[in-house]
Amino acid sequence: MNRQDVEKSIARYLKPIFGFALKRCKSIHDAEDLSQEIAIRAFRSLIVRDDVADMGKFIWTVAHNTLSNYYRDTAKSMVGVSIDELAELIAAPCSELDAVEDTETIRRLQTEIAYLSRLQRRIVIAYYFENRRQADIARELDIPLGTIKWHLFEAKKELKRGMDTMRKSGELRFNPIKFHSYGVNGSVGRKAPEEFFRSALTQNICYCVRNTAKTVNEIADELGVSPVYVEGEVDYLEKYGFLQAQRDKYILNFIISEPTAELLVMQDDMYRRAAELFANDLYDELTSSGILDDPDILCGQTDAPISLTESPKADRNF
């Protein structure tokens, strides 16, 4: 576009741009700076383009992208930044988020939403991201409208607090444990133990709360995963009695045995001394009895004939 046409186009939007900035900034001075930056960016883009079919959409795309940068530069700690406006940035269809230079703030907000309680998270997503009316949300959840308003207010405070917090992950995030074996005394119904401890996430949740009760969010921080994925596994483990609920925290309800280096040395010494006592006699009895040739005896380590020498493993698990 030629310079004169660009100037006329920008001039038509100066007041709406300032109103846009004034609503979203903490002071008139900041609003003036932001609106000036929006106008400059729009001017620089239009002067080299001839393919803008919808001027209004173009201006507001530039405005939203510039606003995102403003939040990034002046409010990385989120002090004084409206959660409502950040939600608007994420959900706005014209914001072209792919063009935003730095989406760190938006990613942090999305991460913190996962740390809300299950009900608050559901309300926040419905209101801010699905653009649903509070009355409709209240009707669907069968709770009073005032309760919806309260949860939204509390969620904003929790999000602000979370954005100001540097979350730290524990060693389990990069060095997870793996159960070597497990067993159950008594009957657990139709489920085998391996069905309960079915994943690395489940096993590490149990390990995380073996000594100290923790909330879902604290477990998530320790493991470096979203609370959204932790809470379902915690519910599952608590339902079957492997975790015990203590108000909003959970603690392990069975014993995890961790052999120390000293214990392993003691075990090795014990087995060596026991072998010295009766290994030769046991060998003689087994070889003379013919039991090693019994086809009804199965070896869990190999499908090959049983021998007293080390058998090749059947697969990587045994």
Protein backbone atom coordinates (compact mmCIF):
# COMPACT_ATOMS: atom_id res chain seq x y z
CA MET A 1 0.00 0.00 0.00
CA ASN A 2 1.18 3.54 -0.57
CA ARG A 3 2.08 5.70 2.41
CA GLN A 4 -0.96 7.98 2.19
CA ASP A 5 -3.45 5.10 2.19
CA VAL A 6 -1.67 3.46 5.10
CA GLU A 7 -1.78 6.68 7.14
CA LYS A 8 -5.52 7.08 6.47
CA SER A 9 -6.21 3.47 7.46
CA ILE A 10 -4.23 3.75 10.68
CA ALA A 11 -5.86 7.08 11.55
CA ARG A 12 -9.34 5.50 11.46
CA TYR A 13 -8.30 3.00 14.13
CA LEU A 14 -6.29 5.24 16.49
CA LYS A 15 -9.14 5.82 18.97
CA PRO A 16 -10.28 2.15 19.03
CA ILE A 17 -6.64 1.08 19.46
CA PHE A 18 -6.17 3.43 22.40
CA GLY A 19 -9.39 2.18 23.97
CA PHE A 20 -8.17 -1.39 23.51
CA ALA A 21 -4.87 -0.54 25.22
CA LEU A 22 -6.42 1.54 28.01
CA LYS A 23 -8.69 -1.33 29.02
CA ARG A 24 -5.76 -3.71 29.31
CA CYS A 25 -2.99 -1.58 30.83
CA LYS A 26 -2.36 -0.53 34.41
CA SER A 27 -1.97 3.17 33.60
CA ILE A 28 -2.71 5.77 30.91
CA HIS A 29 1.02 6.08 30.28
CA ASP A 30 1.32 2.35 29.57
CA ALA A 31 -1.78 2.51 27.35
CA GLU A 32 -0.26 5.34 25.32
CA ASP A 33 2.96 3.38 24.85
CA LEU A 34 1.10 0.22 23.88
CA SER A 35 -1.25 1.95 21.42
CA GLN A 36 1.72 3.71 19.82
CA GLU A 37 3.53 0.39 19.44
CA ILE A 38 0.43 -1.19 17.86
CA ALA A 39 0.11 1.67 15.37
CA ILE A 40 3.81 1.53 14.46
CA ARG A 41 3.74 -2.23 13.90
CA ALA A 42 0.60 -2.00 11.80
CA PHE A 43 2.11 0.83 9.72
CA ARG A 44 5.34 -1.06 9.06
CA SER A 45 3.44 -4.16 7.97
CA LEU A 46 0.93 -2.35 5.75
CA ILE A 47 3.54 -0.27 3.95
CA VAL A 48 5.04 -3.44 2.43
CA ARG A 49 1.80 -5.38 1.85
CA ASP A 50 -0.96 -5.20 -0.74
CA ASP A 51 -2.89 -8.32 0.23
CA VAL A 52 -4.85 -7.13 3.29
CA ALA A 53 -8.48 -7.90 2.50
CA ASP A 54 -9.95 -7.22 5.96
CA MET A 55 -8.34 -4.16 7.54
CA GLY A 56 -10.20 -4.56 10.83
CA LYS A 57 -9.10 -8.15 11.33
CA PHE A 58 -5.53 -7.22 10.43
CA ILE A 59 -5.40 -4.31 12.91
CA TRP A 60 -6.77 -6.41 15.78
CA THR A 61 -4.40 -9.27 14.98
CA VAL A 62 -1.49 -6.84 15.28
CA ALA A 63 -3.05 -5.43 18.46
CA HIS A 64 -3.36 -8.84 20.13
CA ASN A 65 0.15 -9.89 19.15
CA THR A 66 1.59 -6.61 20.44
CA LEU A 67 -0.39 -7.00 23.64
CA SER A 68 1.10 -10.46 24.10
CA ASN A 69 4.58 -9.00 23.79
CA TYR A 70 3.63 -6.27 26.26
CA TYR A 71 2.61 -8.89 28.81
CA ARG A 72 5.82 -10.76 28.18
CA ASP A 73 8.07 -7.73 28.60
CA THR A 74 6.38 -6.04 31.54
CA ALA A 75 4.73 -8.85 33.46
CA LYS A 76 6.71 -12.07 33.35
CA SER A 77 5.95 -12.50 37.02
CA MET A 78 2.30 -11.73 36.26
CA VAL A 79 2.09 -8.89 38.83
CA GLY A 80 -0.80 -6.65 37.80
CA VAL A 81 -1.75 -8.69 34.74
CA SER A 82 -5.37 -9.66 34.26
CA ILE A 83 -6.03 -13.37 33.99
CA ASP A 84 -9.14 -12.46 32.00
CA GLU A 85 -7.03 -10.79 29.33
CA LEU A 86 -4.58 -13.69 29.14
CA ALA A 87 -7.47 -16.08 28.66
CA GLU A 88 -8.76 -13.77 25.94
CA LEU A 89 -5.39 -13.94 24.21
CA ILE A 90 -5.42 -17.73 24.21
CA ALA A 91 -8.99 -18.09 23.03
CA ALA A 92 -9.20 -15.16 20.58
CA PRO A 93 -9.67 -16.54 17.03
CA CYS A 94 -7.96 -13.56 15.40
CA SER A 95 -4.82 -13.51 17.50
CA GLU A 96 -2.81 -15.84 15.24
CA LEU A 97 -0.81 -17.30 18.10
CA ASP A 98 1.65 -18.92 15.71
CA ALA A 99 2.91 -15.43 14.91
CA VAL A 100 3.50 -14.46 18.53
CA GLU A 101 7.23 -14.11 19.15
CA ASP A 102 7.20 -15.53 22.65
CA THR A 103 4.35 -17.62 24.11
CA GLU A 104 6.03 -18.38 27.43
CA THR A 105 3.42 -16.46 29.43
CA ILE A 106 0.54 -18.28 27.77
CA ARG A 107 2.18 -21.66 28.29
CA ARG A 108 2.68 -20.87 31.96
CA LEU A 109 -0.96 -19.92 32.33
CA GLN A 110 -2.05 -23.16 30.69
CA THR A 111 0.25 -25.09 33.02
CA GLU A 112 -1.15 -23.36 36.09
CA ILE A 113 -4.74 -24.11 35.05
CA ALA A 114 -3.84 -27.79 35.42
CA TYR A 115 -3.00 -27.12 39.09
CA LEU A 116 -6.51 -25.90 39.90
CA SER A 117 -8.91 -28.26 41.61
CA ARG A 118 -10.89 -30.52 39.29
CA LEU A 119 -14.06 -28.43 39.67
CA GLN A 120 -12.33 -25.07 39.30
CA ARG A 121 -10.46 -26.29 36.25
CA ARG A 122 -13.69 -27.41 34.65
CA ILE A 123 -15.36 -24.05 35.36
CA VAL A 124 -12.39 -22.00 34.09
CA ILE A 125 -12.17 -23.97 30.85
CA ALA A 126 -15.92 -23.70 30.25
CA TYR A 127 -16.04 -19.95 30.95
CA TYR A 128 -12.81 -18.65 29.43
CA PHE A 129 -12.03 -21.09 26.65
CA GLU A 130 -15.44 -22.41 25.61
CA ASN A 131 -17.03 -18.95 26.09
CA ARG A 132 -20.01 -20.36 27.96
CA ARG A 133 -22.30 -18.30 30.15
CA GLN A 134 -21.94 -18.66 33.91
CA ALA A 135 -25.63 -19.52 34.24
CA ASP A 136 -25.26 -22.37 31.73
CA ILE A 137 -22.22 -23.72 33.58
CA ALA A 138 -24.11 -23.59 36.88
CA ARG A 139 -27.05 -25.46 35.37
CA GLU A 140 -24.82 -28.17 33.88
CA LEU A 141 -22.89 -28.69 37.12
CA ASP A 142 -26.04 -28.38 39.22
CA ILE A 143 -24.55 -25.79 41.57
CA PRO A 144 -25.68 -22.22 42.38
CA LEU A 145 -24.64 -19.37 40.10
CA GLY A 146 -23.03 -17.63 43.08
CA THR A 147 -20.81 -20.66 43.59
CA ILE A 148 -19.63 -20.43 39.97
CA LYS A 149 -18.72 -16.75 40.49
CA TRP A 150 -16.86 -17.62 43.70
CA HIS A 151 -14.89 -20.40 42.02
CA LEU A 152 -13.90 -18.08 39.15
CA PHE A 153 -12.73 -15.47 41.65
CA GLU A 154 -10.73 -18.02 43.65
CA ALA A 155 -9.31 -19.55 40.47
CA LYS A 156 -7.93 -16.15 39.43
CA LYS A 157 -6.16 -15.80 42.77
CA GLU A 158 -4.73 -19.32 42.50
CA LEU A 159 -3.53 -18.69 38.95
CA LYS A 160 -1.85 -15.43 39.95
CA ARG A 161 -0.19 -17.15 42.90
CA GLY A 162 0.96 -20.01 40.71
CA MET A 163 2.37 -17.69 38.05
CA ASP A 164 4.46 -15.99 40.73
CA THR A 165 5.85 -19.34 41.91
CA MET A 166 8.88 -21.09 40.46
CA ARG A 167 7.85 -24.74 40.48
CA LYS A 168 10.64 -27.19 41.22
CA SER A 169 10.62 -30.81 40.12
CA GLY A 170 12.20 -33.63 42.09
CA GLU A 171 14.69 -36.27 41.04
CA LEU A 172 11.90 -38.64 40.02
CA ARG A 173 11.26 -36.42 36.98
CA PHE A 174 14.52 -37.52 35.35
CA ASN A 175 15.40 -40.60 37.42
CA PRO A 176 12.19 -42.61 37.96
CA ILE A 177 12.18 -45.79 40.01
CA LYS A 178 10.86 -49.14 38.80
CA PHE A 179 9.42 -51.85 41.03
CA HIS A 180 11.58 -54.97 40.89
CA SER A 181 8.81 -57.22 42.15
CA TYR A 182 5.57 -57.03 44.11
CA GLY A 183 3.25 -59.37 45.90
CA VAL A 184 -0.03 -59.32 47.80
CA ASN A 185 -1.05 -61.31 50.85
CA GLY A 186 -4.68 -62.35 50.64
CA SER A 187 -7.16 -61.93 47.82
CA VAL A 188 -7.42 -58.83 45.64
CA GLY A 189 -10.24 -60.15 43.51
CA ARG A 190 -9.81 -60.69 39.81
CA LYS A 191 -7.02 -58.16 39.29
CA ALA A 192 -3.38 -59.21 39.35
CA PRO A 193 -0.84 -56.98 41.15
CA GLU A 194 0.69 -55.91 37.84
CA GLU A 195 -2.66 -54.39 36.85
CA PHE A 196 -2.49 -51.99 39.79
CA PHE A 197 1.10 -50.95 39.18
CA ARG A 198 0.57 -50.83 35.45
CA SER A 199 2.79 -47.90 34.52
CA ALA A 200 5.86 -45.93 35.53
CA LEU A 201 3.53 -43.11 36.58
CA THR A 202 1.59 -45.34 38.99
CA GLN A 203 4.74 -46.81 40.53
CA ASN A 204 6.40 -43.44 40.99
CA ILE A 205 3.27 -41.91 42.54
CA CYS A 206 3.40 -44.66 45.17
CA TYR A 207 7.11 -44.18 45.72
CA CYS A 208 6.69 -40.41 46.01
CA VAL A 209 4.34 -40.71 49.01
CA ARG A 210 5.98 -43.69 50.73
CA ASN A 211 7.10 -41.60 53.73
CA THR A 212 5.16 -38.32 53.62
CA ALA A 213 1.57 -37.49 52.67
CA LYS A 214 1.35 -35.13 49.70
CA THR A 215 -1.33 -33.38 47.66
CA VAL A 216 -1.94 -34.17 44.00
CA ASN A 217 -0.17 -30.93 43.05
CA GLU A 218 2.85 -31.76 45.22
CA ILE A 219 3.08 -35.21 43.64
CA ALA A 220 2.84 -33.63 40.19
CA ASP A 221 5.67 -31.22 41.03
CA GLU A 222 7.83 -34.06 42.31
CA LEU A 223 7.28 -36.13 39.15
CA GLY A 224 7.35 -33.18 36.74
CA VAL A 225 4.00 -34.04 35.15
CA SER A 226 0.63 -32.31 34.92
CA PRO A 227 -1.73 -32.78 37.90
CA VAL A 228 -4.42 -33.67 35.34
CA TYR A 229 -2.71 -37.03 34.79
CA VAL A 230 -1.79 -37.59 38.44
CA GLU A 231 -5.27 -37.15 39.93
CA GLY A 232 -6.82 -40.02 37.95
CA GLU A 233 -4.10 -42.46 38.99
CA VAL A 234 -4.33 -41.30 42.60
CA ASP A 235 -8.09 -41.90 42.58
CA TYR A 236 -7.50 -45.40 41.17
CA LEU A 237 -4.87 -46.30 43.78
CA GLU A 238 -6.94 -44.86 46.63
CA LYS A 239 -10.02 -46.77 45.49
CA TYR A 240 -8.21 -50.10 45.79
CA GLY A 241 -6.54 -49.25 49.09
CA PHE A 242 -2.96 -48.74 47.92
CA LEU A 243 -3.09 -45.07 48.93
CA GLN A 244 -4.76 -43.65 52.01
CA ALA A 245 -6.45 -40.24 51.83
CA GLN A 246 -5.64 -37.75 54.59
CA ARG A 247 -7.88 -34.78 53.83
CA ASP A 248 -6.44 -33.41 50.58
CA LYS A 249 -3.24 -35.46 50.83
CA TYR A 250 -2.35 -39.08 50.13
CA ILE A 251 0.14 -41.47 51.68
CA LEU A 252 1.21 -45.01 50.81
CA ASN A 253 -0.81 -47.80 52.41
CA PHE A 254 1.63 -50.68 51.82
CA ILE A 255 5.32 -51.32 52.36
CA ILE A 256 7.98 -50.56 49.77
CA SER A 257 11.21 -52.32 50.64
CA GLU A 258 14.38 -50.61 49.47
CA PRO A 259 17.48 -52.75 50.12
CA THR A 260 20.49 -50.71 51.16
CA ALA A 261 24.01 -51.45 50.00
CA GLU A 262 24.75 -52.90 53.45
CA LEU A 263 21.74 -55.22 53.24
CA LEU A 264 22.76 -56.48 49.80
CA VAL A 265 26.23 -57.29 51.11
CA MET A 266 24.69 -59.15 54.06
CA GLN A 267 22.37 -61.13 51.77
CA ASP A 268 25.25 -62.10 49.50
CA ASP A 269 27.29 -63.24 52.49
CA MET A 270 24.31 -65.19 53.88
CA TYR A 271 23.69 -67.04 50.60
CA ARG A 272 27.41 -67.81 50.23
CA ARG A 273 27.62 -69.29 53.72
CA ALA A 274 24.41 -71.28 53.22
CA ALA A 275 25.77 -72.67 49.96
CA GLU A 276 28.92 -73.81 51.74
CA LEU A 277 26.78 -75.71 54.26
CA PHE A 278 24.50 -77.75 52.02
CA ALA A 279 25.08 -77.02 48.31
CA ASN A 280 27.15 -80.17 47.69
CA ASP A 281 24.68 -82.43 49.51
CA LEU A 282 21.75 -80.86 47.64
CA TYR A 283 23.52 -81.37 44.32
CA ASP A 284 24.10 -85.05 45.07
CA GLU A 285 20.49 -85.60 46.11
CA LEU A 286 19.07 -83.90 43.01
CA THR A 287 21.25 -85.71 40.51
CA SER A 288 20.67 -89.13 42.08
CA SER A 289 16.89 -88.73 42.46
CA GLY A 290 16.13 -88.31 38.74
CA ILE A 291 13.86 -85.39 39.53
CA LEU A 292 15.66 -83.17 37.03
CA ASP A 293 14.31 -85.34 34.21
CA ASP A 294 10.67 -85.12 35.36
CA PRO A 295 8.65 -83.61 32.44
CA ASP A 296 6.07 -82.20 34.86
CA ILE A 297 8.57 -79.82 36.43
CA LEU A 298 8.77 -76.47 34.63
CA CYS A 299 11.51 -73.91 34.95
CA GLY A 300 10.49 -70.27 34.92
CA GLN A 301 13.76 -69.16 33.37
CA THR A 302 14.02 -71.34 30.30
CA ASP A 303 12.20 -73.78 28.07
CA ALA A 304 15.37 -75.85 27.71
CA PRO A 305 16.07 -78.97 29.82
CA ILE A 306 16.82 -78.18 33.45
CA SER A 307 20.43 -78.32 34.54
CA LEU A 308 22.39 -77.17 37.55
CA THR A 309 24.46 -74.85 35.44
CA GLU A 310 23.21 -71.38 34.55
CA SER A 311 20.35 -71.64 32.05
CA PRO A 312 19.91 -69.19 29.19
CA LYS A 313 17.14 -66.68 29.79
CA ALA A 314 13.85 -67.22 27.98
CA ASP A 315 13.47 -63.50 27.26
CA ARG A 316 14.57 -60.11 28.55
CA ASN A 317 12.18 -60.26 31.52
CA PHE A 318 13.28 -63.57 33.07
